[in-house]
Amino acid sequence: MGTVLKDWVKAVVSVLAAFLGVQSEANRRRDLTQGRFSVFVIAGIVSIVVFLLTVYGLVRLVLTILE
């Protein structure tokens, strides 16, 4: 696996852990010192968009079922 891909995988895992509230202090410090800020920002934005689209889709599904 390439270095860039490893950085992205670590960033996505870290963002998801933080999003769920299970990010450890040691991992947070490691990410802030070793990770690239831009990778975490992009991974965070993508995670938020996926979350919002999932909520939107579930609401539409429930409203369709209730009609």
Protein backbone atom coordinates (compact mmCIF):
# COMPACT_ATOMS: atom_id res chain seq x y z
CA MET A 1 0.00 0.00 0.00
CA GLY A 2 1.37 3.41 -0.93
CA THR A 3 2.20 6.09 1.59
CA VAL A 4 -0.53 8.41 0.31
CA LEU A 5 -3.15 5.67 0.57
CA LYS A 6 -2.01 4.82 4.10
CA ASP A 7 -2.33 8.50 5.07
CA TRP A 8 -5.89 8.58 3.73
CA VAL A 9 -6.89 5.35 5.47
CA LYS A 10 -5.46 6.58 8.78
CA ALA A 11 -7.23 9.91 8.35
CA VAL A 12 -10.59 8.31 7.58
CA VAL A 13 -10.32 5.92 10.54
CA SER A 14 -9.30 8.78 12.80
CA VAL A 15 -12.13 11.04 11.62
CA LEU A 16 -14.69 8.26 12.07
CA ALA A 17 -13.39 7.51 15.57
CA ALA A 18 -13.59 11.19 16.47
CA PHE A 19 -17.04 11.45 14.88
CA LEU A 20 -18.26 8.58 17.07
CA GLY A 21 -16.53 10.01 20.14
CA VAL A 22 -14.12 7.12 20.69
CA GLN A 23 -10.88 8.80 19.61
CA SER A 24 -8.18 8.32 22.25
CA GLU A 25 -6.02 11.20 23.40
CA ALA A 26 -2.88 9.38 22.22
CA ASN A 27 -4.29 8.92 18.72
CA ARG A 28 -5.47 12.52 18.58
CA ARG A 29 -2.00 13.78 19.47
CA ARG A 30 -0.40 11.43 16.94
CA ASP A 31 -2.74 12.68 14.23
CA LEU A 32 -2.01 16.33 15.03
CA THR A 33 1.75 15.83 14.96
CA GLN A 34 2.17 13.30 12.15
CA GLY A 35 -0.86 13.74 9.91
CA ARG A 36 -1.41 16.31 7.18
CA PHE A 37 -4.08 18.85 8.08
CA SER A 38 -5.57 18.93 4.57
CA VAL A 39 -6.17 15.18 4.57
CA PHE A 40 -8.10 15.38 7.84
CA VAL A 41 -10.15 18.36 6.67
CA ILE A 42 -11.15 16.62 3.43
CA ALA A 43 -11.90 13.34 5.25
CA GLY A 44 -14.00 15.26 7.79
CA ILE A 45 -15.98 17.10 5.14
CA VAL A 46 -16.63 13.89 3.21
CA SER A 47 -17.74 12.15 6.43
CA ILE A 48 -20.17 14.95 7.25
CA VAL A 49 -21.63 14.92 3.73
CA VAL A 50 -22.07 11.13 3.83
CA PHE A 51 -23.73 11.39 7.26
CA LEU A 52 -26.13 14.12 6.11
CA LEU A 53 -27.03 12.25 2.92
CA THR A 54 -27.68 9.09 4.96
CA VAL A 55 -29.99 10.95 7.35
CA TYR A 56 -31.76 12.61 4.42
CA GLY A 57 -32.22 9.24 2.70
CA LEU A 58 -33.58 7.60 5.83
CA VAL A 59 -36.05 10.43 6.41
CA ARG A 60 -37.25 10.23 2.79
CA LEU A 61 -37.62 6.45 3.15
CA VAL A 62 -39.67 6.75 6.33
CA LEU A 63 -41.87 9.48 4.83
CA THR A 64 -42.45 7.36 1.75
CA ILE A 65 -43.43 4.37 3.87
CA LEU A 66 -45.82 6.46 5.99
CA GLU A 67 -47.71 7.90 3.01
